[in-house]
PDB file of N, CA and C in Angstrom:
ATOM      1  N   MET A   1     -11.092  12.722  20.541  1.00  0.00           N
ATOM      2  CA  MET A   1     -10.840  11.732  19.518  1.00  0.00           C
ATOM      3  C   MET A   1      -9.474  12.005  18.913  1.00  0.00           C
ATOM      4  N   THR A   2      -8.679  10.981  18.771  1.00  0.00           N
ATOM      5  CA  THR A   2      -7.373  11.114  18.153  1.00  0.00           C
ATOM      6  C   THR A   2      -7.263  10.128  17.015  1.00  0.00           C
ATOM      7  N   CYS A   3      -6.901  10.638  15.847  1.00  0.00           N
ATOM      8  CA  CYS A   3      -6.641   9.785  14.691  1.00  0.00           C
ATOM      9  C   CYS A   3      -5.152   9.884  14.429  1.00  0.00           C
ATOM     10  N   THR A   4      -4.527   8.765  14.184  1.00  0.00           N
ATOM     11  CA  THR A   4      -3.087   8.776  14.023  1.00  0.00           C
ATOM     12  C   THR A   4      -2.657   7.908  12.868  1.00  0.00           C
ATOM     13  N   THR A   5      -1.660   8.366  12.154  1.00  0.00           N
ATOM     14  CA  THR A   5      -0.980   7.512  11.195  1.00  0.00           C
ATOM     15  C   THR A   5       0.492   7.551  11.549  1.00  0.00           C
ATOM     16  N   THR A   6       1.118   6.422  11.594  1.00  0.00           N
ATOM     17  CA  THR A   6       2.531   6.353  11.939  1.00  0.00           C
ATOM     18  C   THR A   6       3.241   5.513  10.894  1.00  0.00           C
ATOM     19  N   ALA A   7       4.349   6.005  10.439  1.00  0.00           N
ATOM     20  CA  ALA A   7       5.122   5.254   9.453  1.00  0.00           C
ATOM     21  C   ALA A   7       6.590   5.565   9.657  1.00  0.00           C
ATOM     22  N   SER A   8       7.418   4.585   9.477  1.00  0.00           N
ATOM     23  CA  SER A   8       8.850   4.818   9.546  1.00  0.00           C
ATOM     24  C   SER A   8       9.275   5.511   8.262  1.00  0.00           C
ATOM     25  N   ALA A   9      10.058   6.529   8.403  1.00  0.00           N
ATOM     26  CA  ALA A   9      10.526   7.255   7.224  1.00  0.00           C
ATOM     27  C   ALA A   9      11.563   6.464   6.438  1.00  0.00           C
ATOM     28  N   TRP A  10      12.008   5.334   6.971  1.00  0.00           N
ATOM     29  CA  TRP A  10      13.053   4.571   6.307  1.00  0.00           C
ATOM     30  C   TRP A  10      12.625   3.184   5.876  1.00  0.00           C
ATOM     31  N   ASP A  11      11.506   2.697   6.362  1.00  0.00           N
ATOM     32  CA  ASP A  11      11.031   1.369   6.001  1.00  0.00           C
ATOM     33  C   ASP A  11      10.052   1.466   4.841  1.00  0.00           C
ATOM     34  N   GLY A  12      10.074   0.500   3.953  1.00  0.00           N
ATOM     35  CA  GLY A  12       9.087   0.457   2.873  1.00  0.00           C
ATOM     36  C   GLY A  12       9.295   1.557   1.857  1.00  0.00           C
ATOM     37  N   ASP A  13       8.225   1.920   1.199  1.00  0.00           N
ATOM     38  CA  ASP A  13       8.247   2.903   0.123  1.00  0.00           C
ATOM     39  C   ASP A  13       8.030   4.302   0.683  1.00  0.00           C
ATOM     40  N   PRO A  14       9.052   5.171   0.635  1.00  0.00           N
ATOM     41  CA  PRO A  14       8.880   6.512   1.183  1.00  0.00           C
ATOM     42  C   PRO A  14       7.783   7.291   0.486  1.00  0.00           C
ATOM     43  N   ASP A  15       7.571   7.053  -0.792  1.00  0.00           N
ATOM     44  CA  ASP A  15       6.503   7.749  -1.497  1.00  0.00           C
ATOM     45  C   ASP A  15       5.141   7.363  -0.933  1.00  0.00           C
ATOM     46  N   GLN A  16       4.963   6.090  -0.592  1.00  0.00           N
ATOM     47  CA  GLN A  16       3.707   5.627  -0.008  1.00  0.00           C
ATOM     48  C   GLN A  16       3.472   6.266   1.354  1.00  0.00           C
ATOM     49  N   GLU A  17       4.512   6.375   2.146  1.00  0.00           N
ATOM     50  CA  GLU A  17       4.383   6.986   3.466  1.00  0.00           C
ATOM     51  C   GLU A  17       4.016   8.460   3.352  1.00  0.00           C
ATOM     52  N   GLU A  18       4.617   9.156   2.416  1.00  0.00           N
ATOM     53  CA  GLU A  18       4.285  10.561   2.209  1.00  0.00           C
ATOM     54  C   GLU A  18       2.850  10.701   1.712  1.00  0.00           C
ATOM     55  N   LEU A  19       2.441   9.832   0.813  1.00  0.00           N
ATOM     56  CA  LEU A  19       1.076   9.864   0.296  1.00  0.00           C
ATOM     57  C   LEU A  19       0.067   9.624   1.419  1.00  0.00           C
ATOM     58  N   GLU A  20       0.369   8.701   2.328  1.00  0.00           N
ATOM     59  CA  GLU A  20      -0.518   8.446   3.466  1.00  0.00           C
ATOM     60  C   GLU A  20      -0.628   9.677   4.359  1.00  0.00           C
ATOM     61  N   ALA A  21       0.481  10.354   4.600  1.00  0.00           N
ATOM     62  CA  ALA A  21       0.469  11.562   5.428  1.00  0.00           C
ATOM     63  C   ALA A  21      -0.345  12.664   4.739  1.00  0.00           C
ATOM     64  N   LYS A  22      -0.158  12.823   3.438  1.00  0.00           N
ATOM     65  CA  LYS A  22      -0.917  13.823   2.686  1.00  0.00           C
ATOM     66  C   LYS A  22      -2.403  13.491   2.688  1.00  0.00           C
ATOM     67  N   SER A  23      -2.726  12.217   2.553  1.00  0.00           N
ATOM     68  CA  SER A  23      -4.124  11.799   2.562  1.00  0.00           C
ATOM     69  C   SER A  23      -4.768  12.085   3.916  1.00  0.00           C
ATOM     70  N   PHE A  24      -4.015  11.911   4.978  1.00  0.00           N
ATOM     71  CA  PHE A  24      -4.520  12.212   6.309  1.00  0.00           C
ATOM     72  C   PHE A  24      -4.859  13.697   6.418  1.00  0.00           C
ATOM     73  N   LEU A  25      -3.970  14.561   5.919  1.00  0.00           N
ATOM     74  CA  LEU A  25      -4.235  15.999   5.953  1.00  0.00           C
ATOM     75  C   LEU A  25      -5.426  16.348   5.065  1.00  0.00           C
ATOM     76  N   ALA A  26      -5.542  15.673   3.917  1.00  0.00           N
ATOM     77  CA  ALA A  26      -6.686  15.905   3.029  1.00  0.00           C
ATOM     78  C   ALA A  26      -7.993  15.548   3.722  1.00  0.00           C
ATOM     79  N   LEU A  27      -7.988  14.460   4.484  1.00  0.00           N
ATOM     80  CA  LEU A  27      -9.179  14.067   5.232  1.00  0.00           C
ATOM     81  C   LEU A  27      -9.559  15.146   6.239  1.00  0.00           C
ATOM     82  N   GLU A  28      -8.583  15.719   6.910  1.00  0.00           N
ATOM     83  CA  GLU A  28      -8.865  16.788   7.873  1.00  0.00           C
ATOM     84  C   GLU A  28      -9.388  18.036   7.160  1.00  0.00           C
ATOM     85  N   ILE A  29      -8.862  18.333   5.975  1.00  0.00           N
ATOM     86  CA  ILE A  29      -9.368  19.468   5.189  1.00  0.00           C
ATOM     87  C   ILE A  29     -10.823  19.210   4.812  1.00  0.00           C
ATOM     88  N   LEU A  30     -11.123  18.010   4.352  1.00  0.00           N
ATOM     89  CA  LEU A  30     -12.497  17.645   4.013  1.00  0.00           C
ATOM     90  C   LEU A  30     -13.404  17.817   5.228  1.00  0.00           C
ATOM     91  N   ARG A  31     -12.972  17.338   6.379  1.00  0.00           N
ATOM     92  CA  ARG A  31     -13.778  17.460   7.595  1.00  0.00           C
ATOM     93  C   ARG A  31     -14.033  18.915   7.963  1.00  0.00           C
ATOM     94  N   ARG A  32     -13.023  19.772   7.807  1.00  0.00           N
ATOM     95  CA  ARG A  32     -13.200  21.204   8.114  1.00  0.00           C
ATOM     96  C   ARG A  32     -14.175  21.848   7.141  1.00  0.00           C
ATOM     97  N   ILE A  33     -14.070  21.517   5.861  1.00  0.00           N
ATOM     98  CA  ILE A  33     -14.995  22.079   4.871  1.00  0.00           C
ATOM     99  C   ILE A  33     -16.422  21.664   5.206  1.00  0.00           C
ATOM    100  N   GLU A  34     -16.606  20.390   5.544  1.00  0.00           N
ATOM    101  CA  GLU A  34     -17.937  19.906   5.919  1.00  0.00           C
ATOM    102  C   GLU A  34     -18.429  20.594   7.186  1.00  0.00           C
ATOM    103  N   ALA A  35     -17.558  20.760   8.180  1.00  0.00           N
ATOM    104  CA  ALA A  35     -17.946  21.399   9.432  1.00  0.00           C
ATOM    105  C   ALA A  35     -18.339  22.860   9.215  1.00  0.00           C
ATOM    106  N   LEU A  36     -17.665  23.512   8.288  1.00  0.00           N
ATOM    107  CA  LEU A  36     -17.972  24.908   7.982  1.00  0.00           C
ATOM    108  C   LEU A  36     -19.230  25.025   7.125  1.00  0.00           C
ATOM    109  N   GLY A  37     -19.616  23.938   6.481  1.00  0.00           N
ATOM    110  CA  GLY A  37     -20.819  23.943   5.650  1.00  0.00           C
ATOM    111  C   GLY A  37     -20.695  24.805   4.408  1.00  0.00           C
ATOM    112  N   VAL A  38     -19.494  24.819   3.825  1.00  0.00           N
ATOM    113  CA  VAL A  38     -19.281  25.636   2.628  1.00  0.00           C
ATOM    114  C   VAL A  38     -19.100  24.745   1.403  1.00  0.00           C
ATOM    115  N   SER A  39     -19.365  25.322   0.245  1.00  0.00           N
ATOM    116  CA  SER A  39     -19.176  24.606  -1.012  1.00  0.00           C
ATOM    117  C   SER A  39     -17.693  24.551  -1.357  1.00  0.00           C
ATOM    118  N   GLN A  40     -17.359  23.722  -2.331  1.00  0.00           N
ATOM    119  CA  GLN A  40     -15.971  23.666  -2.807  1.00  0.00           C
ATOM    120  C   GLN A  40     -15.545  25.029  -3.346  1.00  0.00           C
ATOM    121  N   ARG A  41     -16.446  25.689  -4.029  1.00  0.00           N
ATOM    122  CA  ARG A  41     -16.130  27.019  -4.588  1.00  0.00           C
ATOM    123  C   ARG A  41     -15.812  28.001  -3.465  1.00  0.00           C
ATOM    124  N   GLU A  42     -16.652  28.019  -2.420  1.00  0.00           N
ATOM    125  CA  GLU A  42     -16.416  28.914  -1.287  1.00  0.00           C
ATOM    126  C   GLU A  42     -15.135  28.531  -0.546  1.00  0.00           C
ATOM    127  N   ALA A  43     -14.904  27.232  -0.384  1.00  0.00           N
ATOM    128  CA  ALA A  43     -13.666  26.784   0.265  1.00  0.00           C
ATOM    129  C   ALA A  43     -12.460  27.263  -0.533  1.00  0.00           C
ATOM    130  N   GLY A  44     -12.529  27.152  -1.851  1.00  0.00           N
ATOM    131  CA  GLY A  44     -11.437  27.621  -2.698  1.00  0.00           C
ATOM    132  C   GLY A  44     -11.164  29.098  -2.505  1.00  0.00           C
ATOM    133  N   LYS A  45     -12.228  29.894  -2.388  1.00  0.00           N
ATOM    134  CA  LYS A  45     -12.052  31.336  -2.156  1.00  0.00           C
ATOM    135  C   LYS A  45     -11.362  31.579  -0.823  1.00  0.00           C
ATOM    136  N   ARG A  46     -11.793  30.863   0.204  1.00  0.00           N
ATOM    137  CA  ARG A  46     -11.184  31.034   1.529  1.00  0.00           C
ATOM    138  C   ARG A  46      -9.723  30.602   1.530  1.00  0.00           C
ATOM    139  N   LEU A  47      -9.418  29.589   0.731  1.00  0.00           N
ATOM    140  CA  LEU A  47      -8.061  29.044   0.707  1.00  0.00           C
ATOM    141  C   LEU A  47      -7.151  29.729  -0.307  1.00  0.00           C
ATOM    142  N   GLY A  48      -7.745  30.487  -1.224  1.00  0.00           N
ATOM    143  CA  GLY A  48      -6.955  31.132  -2.266  1.00  0.00           C
ATOM    144  C   GLY A  48      -6.503  30.167  -3.349  1.00  0.00           C
ATOM    145  N   ILE A  49      -7.302  29.108  -3.567  1.00  0.00           N
ATOM    146  CA  ILE A  49      -6.990  28.141  -4.620  1.00  0.00           C
ATOM    147  C   ILE A  49      -8.240  27.911  -5.455  1.00  0.00           C
ATOM    148  N   ALA A  50      -8.055  27.314  -6.606  1.00  0.00           N
ATOM    149  CA  ALA A  50      -9.177  27.038  -7.502  1.00  0.00           C
ATOM    150  C   ALA A  50     -10.072  25.944  -6.931  1.00  0.00           C
ATOM    151  N   GLN A  51     -11.348  25.981  -7.301  1.00  0.00           N
ATOM    152  CA  GLN A  51     -12.289  24.948  -6.881  1.00  0.00           C
ATOM    153  C   GLN A  51     -11.805  23.583  -7.335  1.00  0.00           C
ATOM    154  N   ALA A  52     -11.171  23.519  -8.492  1.00  0.00           N
ATOM    155  CA  ALA A  52     -10.658  22.243  -9.004  1.00  0.00           C
ATOM    156  C   ALA A  52      -9.597  21.660  -8.064  1.00  0.00           C
ATOM    157  N   ASP A  53      -8.782  22.522  -7.459  1.00  0.00           N
ATOM    158  CA  ASP A  53      -7.777  22.044  -6.502  1.00  0.00           C
ATOM    159  C   ASP A  53      -8.430  21.563  -5.209  1.00  0.00           C
ATOM    160  N   VAL A  54      -9.493  22.244  -4.783  1.00  0.00           N
ATOM    161  CA  VAL A  54     -10.238  21.768  -3.607  1.00  0.00           C
ATOM    162  C   VAL A  54     -10.774  20.379  -3.903  1.00  0.00           C
ATOM    163  N   SER A  55     -11.323  20.192  -5.097  1.00  0.00           N
ATOM    164  CA  SER A  55     -11.858  18.891  -5.488  1.00  0.00           C
ATOM    165  C   SER A  55     -10.777  17.819  -5.461  1.00  0.00           C
ATOM    166  N   LYS A  56      -9.600  18.145  -5.964  1.00  0.00           N
ATOM    167  CA  LYS A  56      -8.493  17.177  -5.938  1.00  0.00           C
ATOM    168  C   LYS A  56      -8.173  16.772  -4.505  1.00  0.00           C
ATOM    169  N   ILE A  57      -8.086  17.758  -3.622  1.00  0.00           N
ATOM    170  CA  ILE A  57      -7.717  17.474  -2.232  1.00  0.00           C
ATOM    171  C   ILE A  57      -8.756  16.600  -1.562  1.00  0.00           C
ATOM    172  N   ILE A  58     -10.031  16.968  -1.680  1.00  0.00           N
ATOM    173  CA  ILE A  58     -11.052  16.211  -0.951  1.00  0.00           C
ATOM    174  C   ILE A  58     -11.335  14.856  -1.588  1.00  0.00           C
ATOM    175  N   ASN A  59     -10.809  14.640  -2.793  1.00  0.00           N
ATOM    176  CA  ASN A  59     -10.884  13.324  -3.428  1.00  0.00           C
ATOM    177  C   ASN A  59      -9.553  12.580  -3.314  1.00  0.00           C
ATOM    178  N   PHE A  60      -8.680  13.080  -2.434  1.00  0.00           N
ATOM    179  CA  PHE A  60      -7.410  12.447  -2.081  1.00  0.00           C
ATOM    180  C   PHE A  60      -6.443  12.315  -3.258  1.00  0.00           C
ATOM    181  N   LYS A  61      -6.537  13.204  -4.209  1.00  0.00           N
ATOM    182  CA  LYS A  61      -5.577  13.267  -5.320  1.00  0.00           C
ATOM    183  C   LYS A  61      -4.528  14.309  -4.933  1.00  0.00           C
ATOM    184  N   VAL A  62      -3.706  13.947  -3.967  1.00  0.00           N
ATOM    185  CA  VAL A  62      -2.852  14.907  -3.272  1.00  0.00           C
ATOM    186  C   VAL A  62      -1.396  14.902  -3.717  1.00  0.00           C
ATOM    187  N   TRP A  63      -1.051  14.111  -4.727  1.00  0.00           N
ATOM    188  CA  TRP A  63       0.360  14.001  -5.103  1.00  0.00           C
ATOM    189  C   TRP A  63       0.929  15.307  -5.631  1.00  0.00           C
ATOM    190  N   GLY A  64       0.101  16.260  -6.021  1.00  0.00           N
ATOM    191  CA  GLY A  64       0.597  17.552  -6.498  1.00  0.00           C
ATOM    192  C   GLY A  64       0.743  18.596  -5.402  1.00  0.00           C
ATOM    193  N   PHE A  65       0.480  18.214  -4.158  1.00  0.00           N
ATOM    194  CA  PHE A  65       0.544  19.136  -3.027  1.00  0.00           C
ATOM    195  C   PHE A  65       1.606  18.661  -2.041  1.00  0.00           C
ATOM    196  N   SER A  66       2.355  19.601  -1.484  1.00  0.00           N
ATOM    197  CA  SER A  66       3.363  19.237  -0.483  1.00  0.00           C
ATOM    198  C   SER A  66       2.702  19.145   0.893  1.00  0.00           C
ATOM    199  N   LEU A  67       3.368  18.474   1.813  1.00  0.00           N
ATOM    200  CA  LEU A  67       2.879  18.409   3.192  1.00  0.00           C
ATOM    201  C   LEU A  67       2.758  19.808   3.807  1.00  0.00           C
ATOM    202  N   PRO A  68       3.759  20.679   3.623  1.00  0.00           N
ATOM    203  CA  PRO A  68       3.607  22.032   4.177  1.00  0.00           C
ATOM    204  C   PRO A  68       2.420  22.792   3.574  1.00  0.00           C
ATOM    205  N   ARG A  69       2.199  22.628   2.282  1.00  0.00           N
ATOM    206  CA  ARG A  69       1.085  23.328   1.626  1.00  0.00           C
ATOM    207  C   ARG A  69      -0.252  22.846   2.175  1.00  0.00           C
ATOM    208  N   LEU A  70      -0.423  21.532   2.311  1.00  0.00           N
ATOM    209  CA  LEU A  70      -1.665  21.002   2.865  1.00  0.00           C
ATOM    210  C   LEU A  70      -1.858  21.468   4.306  1.00  0.00           C
ATOM    211  N   SER A  71      -0.772  21.551   5.054  1.00  0.00           N
ATOM    212  CA  SER A  71      -0.848  22.050   6.430  1.00  0.00           C
ATOM    213  C   SER A  71      -1.295  23.507   6.459  1.00  0.00           C
ATOM    214  N   GLN A  72      -0.765  24.315   5.548  1.00  0.00           N
ATOM    215  CA  GLN A  72      -1.154  25.730   5.463  1.00  0.00           C
ATOM    216  C   GLN A  72      -2.635  25.867   5.119  1.00  0.00           C
ATOM    217  N   LEU A  73      -3.109  25.053   4.189  1.00  0.00           N
ATOM    218  CA  LEU A  73      -4.515  25.111   3.807  1.00  0.00           C
ATOM    219  C   LEU A  73      -5.412  24.727   4.979  1.00  0.00           C
ATOM    220  N   LEU A  74      -5.021  23.719   5.707  1.00  0.00           N
ATOM    221  CA  LEU A  74      -5.786  23.294   6.868  1.00  0.00           C
ATOM    222  C   LEU A  74      -5.840  24.413   7.905  1.00  0.00           C
ATOM    223  N   ALA A  75      -4.739  25.102   8.105  1.00  0.00           N
ATOM    224  CA  ALA A  75      -4.710  26.230   9.047  1.00  0.00           C
ATOM    225  C   ALA A  75      -5.632  27.356   8.578  1.00  0.00           C
ATOM    226  N   LYS A  76      -5.684  27.601   7.286  1.00  0.00           N
ATOM    227  CA  LYS A  76      -6.573  28.643   6.754  1.00  0.00           C
ATOM    228  C   LYS A  76      -8.036  28.318   7.019  1.00  0.00           C
ATOM    229  N   LEU A  77      -8.337  27.045   7.222  1.00  0.00           N
ATOM    230  CA  LEU A  77      -9.710  26.636   7.517  1.00  0.00           C
ATOM    231  C   LEU A  77      -9.994  26.624   9.015  1.00  0.00           C
ATOM    232  N   GLY A  78      -9.066  27.150   9.799  1.00  0.00           N
ATOM    233  CA  GLY A  78      -9.307  27.310  11.220  1.00  0.00           C
ATOM    234  C   GLY A  78      -8.718  26.238  12.108  1.00  0.00           C
ATOM    235  N   ALA A  79      -7.951  25.336  11.550  1.00  0.00           N
ATOM    236  CA  ALA A  79      -7.323  24.293  12.371  1.00  0.00           C
ATOM    237  C   ALA A  79      -5.973  24.784  12.885  1.00  0.00           C
ATOM    238  N   ASN A  80      -5.634  24.391  14.080  1.00  0.00           N
ATOM    239  CA  ASN A  80      -4.295  24.636  14.601  1.00  0.00           C
ATOM    240  C   ASN A  80      -3.431  23.461  14.182  1.00  0.00           C
ATOM    241  N   VAL A  81      -2.428  23.730  13.387  1.00  0.00           N
ATOM    242  CA  VAL A  81      -1.539  22.682  12.888  1.00  0.00           C
ATOM    243  C   VAL A  81      -0.206  22.846  13.597  1.00  0.00           C
ATOM    244  N   GLU A  82       0.225  21.792  14.269  1.00  0.00           N
ATOM    245  CA  GLU A  82       1.475  21.832  15.018  1.00  0.00           C
ATOM    246  C   GLU A  82       2.383  20.708  14.541  1.00  0.00           C
ATOM    247  N   ILE A  83       3.665  20.993  14.477  1.00  0.00           N
ATOM    248  CA  ILE A  83       4.656  19.980  14.142  1.00  0.00           C
ATOM    249  C   ILE A  83       5.593  19.867  15.335  1.00  0.00           C
ATOM    250  N   HIS A  84       5.706  18.676  15.858  1.00  0.00           N
ATOM    251  CA  HIS A  84       6.583  18.431  16.994  1.00  0.00           C
ATOM    252  C   HIS A  84       7.685  17.477  16.557  1.00  0.00           C
ATOM    253  N   VAL A  85       8.903  17.815  16.909  1.00  0.00           N
ATOM    254  CA  VAL A  85      10.033  16.929  16.646  1.00  0.00           C
ATOM    255  C   VAL A  85      10.540  16.452  17.994  1.00  0.00           C
ATOM    256  N   ARG A  86      10.561  15.150  18.146  1.00  0.00           N
ATOM    257  CA  ARG A  86      11.048  14.553  19.397  1.00  0.00           C
ATOM    258  C   ARG A  86      12.243  13.686  19.034  1.00  0.00           C
ATOM    259  N   VAL A  87      13.401  14.063  19.524  1.00  0.00           N
ATOM    260  CA  VAL A  87      14.628  13.335  19.220  1.00  0.00           C
ATOM    261  C   VAL A  87      14.796  12.221  20.238  1.00  0.00           C
ATOM    262  N   ARG A  88      15.030  11.029  19.719  1.00  0.00           N
ATOM    263  CA  ARG A  88      15.306   9.880  20.579  1.00  0.00           C
ATOM    264  C   ARG A  88      16.816   9.722  20.666  1.00  0.00           C
ATOM    265  N   TYR A  89      17.297   9.609  21.834  1.00  0.00           N
ATOM    266  CA  TYR A  89      18.733   9.424  22.004  1.00  0.00           C
ATOM    267  C   TYR A  89      19.012   7.930  22.091  1.00  0.00           C
ATOM    268  N   THR A  90      19.148   7.332  20.907  1.00  0.00           N
ATOM    269  CA  THR A  90      19.402   5.897  20.810  1.00  0.00           C
ATOM    270  C   THR A  90      20.605   5.684  19.911  1.00  0.00           C
ATOM    271  N   ASN A  91      20.706   4.490  19.398  1.00  0.00           N
ATOM    272  CA  ASN A  91      21.862   4.148  18.562  1.00  0.00           C
ATOM    273  C   ASN A  91      21.748   4.679  17.137  1.00  0.00           C
ATOM    274  N   GLY A  92      20.826   5.583  16.891  1.00  0.00           N
ATOM    275  CA  GLY A  92      20.710   6.164  15.564  1.00  0.00           C
ATOM    276  C   GLY A  92      19.791   5.398  14.639  1.00  0.00           C
ATOM    277  N   GLY A  93      19.007   4.485  15.178  1.00  0.00           N
ATOM    278  CA  GLY A  93      18.047   3.743  14.376  1.00  0.00           C
ATOM    279  C   GLY A  93      16.982   4.661  13.808  1.00  0.00           C
ATOM    280  N   PRO A  94      16.131   4.102  12.977  1.00  0.00           N
ATOM    281  CA  PRO A  94      15.127   4.933  12.302  1.00  0.00           C
ATOM    282  C   PRO A  94      14.097   5.509  13.271  1.00  0.00           C
ATOM    283  N   GLY A  95      13.647   6.695  12.932  1.00  0.00           N
ATOM    284  CA  GLY A  95      12.572   7.342  13.673  1.00  0.00           C
ATOM    285  C   GLY A  95      11.252   7.055  12.977  1.00  0.00           C
ATOM    286  N   SER A  96      10.263   7.847  13.259  1.00  0.00           N
ATOM    287  CA  SER A  96       8.967   7.621  12.640  1.00  0.00           C
ATOM    288  C   SER A  96       8.312   8.946  12.287  1.00  0.00           C
ATOM    289  N   LEU A  97       7.356   8.876  11.388  1.00  0.00           N
ATOM    290  CA  LEU A  97       6.552  10.019  10.984  1.00  0.00           C
ATOM    291  C   LEU A  97       5.168   9.791  11.561  1.00  0.00           C
ATOM    292  N   ARG A  98       4.669  10.747  12.332  1.00  0.00           N
ATOM    293  CA  ARG A  98       3.359  10.592  12.968  1.00  0.00           C
ATOM    294  C   ARG A  98       2.563  11.861  12.784  1.00  0.00           C
ATOM    295  N   ILE A  99       1.367  11.723  12.279  1.00  0.00           N
ATOM    296  CA  ILE A  99       0.456  12.843  12.139  1.00  0.00           C
ATOM    297  C   ILE A  99      -0.795  12.482  12.922  1.00  0.00           C
ATOM    298  N   ALA A 100      -1.214  13.358  13.808  1.00  0.00           N
ATOM    299  CA  ALA A 100      -2.374  13.064  14.646  1.00  0.00           C
ATOM    300  C   ALA A 100      -3.325  14.250  14.628  1.00  0.00           C
ATOM    301  N   ALA A 101      -4.596  13.959  14.757  1.00  0.00           N
ATOM    302  CA  ALA A 101      -5.620  15.010  14.853  1.00  0.00           C
ATOM    303  C   ALA A 101      -6.385  14.789  16.139  1.00  0.00           C
ATOM    304  N   THR A 102      -6.589  15.870  16.856  1.00  0.00           N
ATOM    305  CA  THR A 102      -7.404  15.801  18.057  1.00  0.00           C
ATOM    306  C   THR A 102      -8.535  16.793  17.931  1.00  0.00           C
ATOM    307  N   LYS A 103      -9.658  16.443  18.471  1.00  0.00           N
ATOM    308  CA  LYS A 103     -10.811  17.310  18.433  1.00  0.00           C
ATOM    309  C   LYS A 103     -10.642  18.385  19.513  1.00  0.00           C
ATOM    310  N   ALA A 104     -10.908  19.618  19.158  1.00  0.00           N
ATOM    311  CA  ALA A 104     -10.776  20.715  20.108  1.00  0.00           C
ATOM    312  C   ALA A 104     -11.845  20.627  21.186  1.00  0.00           C
ATOM    313  N   ARG A 105     -11.496  21.054  22.355  1.00  0.00           N
ATOM    314  CA  ARG A 105     -12.452  21.112  23.455  1.00  0.00           C
ATOM    315  C   ARG A 105     -13.290  22.372  23.316  1.00  0.00           C
ATOM    316  N   ARG A 106     -14.541  22.251  23.660  1.00  0.00           N
ATOM    317  CA  ARG A 106     -15.429  23.418  23.642  1.00  0.00           C
ATOM    318  C   ARG A 106     -15.167  24.269  24.874  1.00  0.00           C
ATOM    319  N   ALA A 107     -15.274  25.575  24.693  1.00  0.00           N
ATOM    320  CA  ALA A 107     -15.088  26.480  25.812  1.00  0.00           C
ATOM    321  C   ALA A 107     -16.215  26.294  26.817  1.00  0.00           C
ATOM    322  N   ALA A 108     -15.871  26.374  28.083  1.00  0.00           N
ATOM    323  CA  ALA A 108     -16.868  26.169  29.146  1.00  0.00           C
ATOM    324  C   ALA A 108     -17.671  27.415  29.391  1.00  0.00           C
TER     325      ALA A 108
END
């Protein structure tokens, strides 16, 4: 399963695009917490943040968190977070911001 959000970093409201990317990471954090079957308090202990911050994240109140910070938290919950930069050799037009999640394959 692949979930993707794509937005041009130059079209529209950049704050909205960043918020969408952060919300996507928050959704993945929520999914990991649910998959682990832990409480917000336990998740906070594992992440080294207050339970109140876990609550903010899983309720998509993410404007106080940076993209790198949310990525680090997701990694602490056992997700492999990768950032790929692919340069297009074109006339210098706008690129895009894409965040995707794929489900890990089970070991055979």
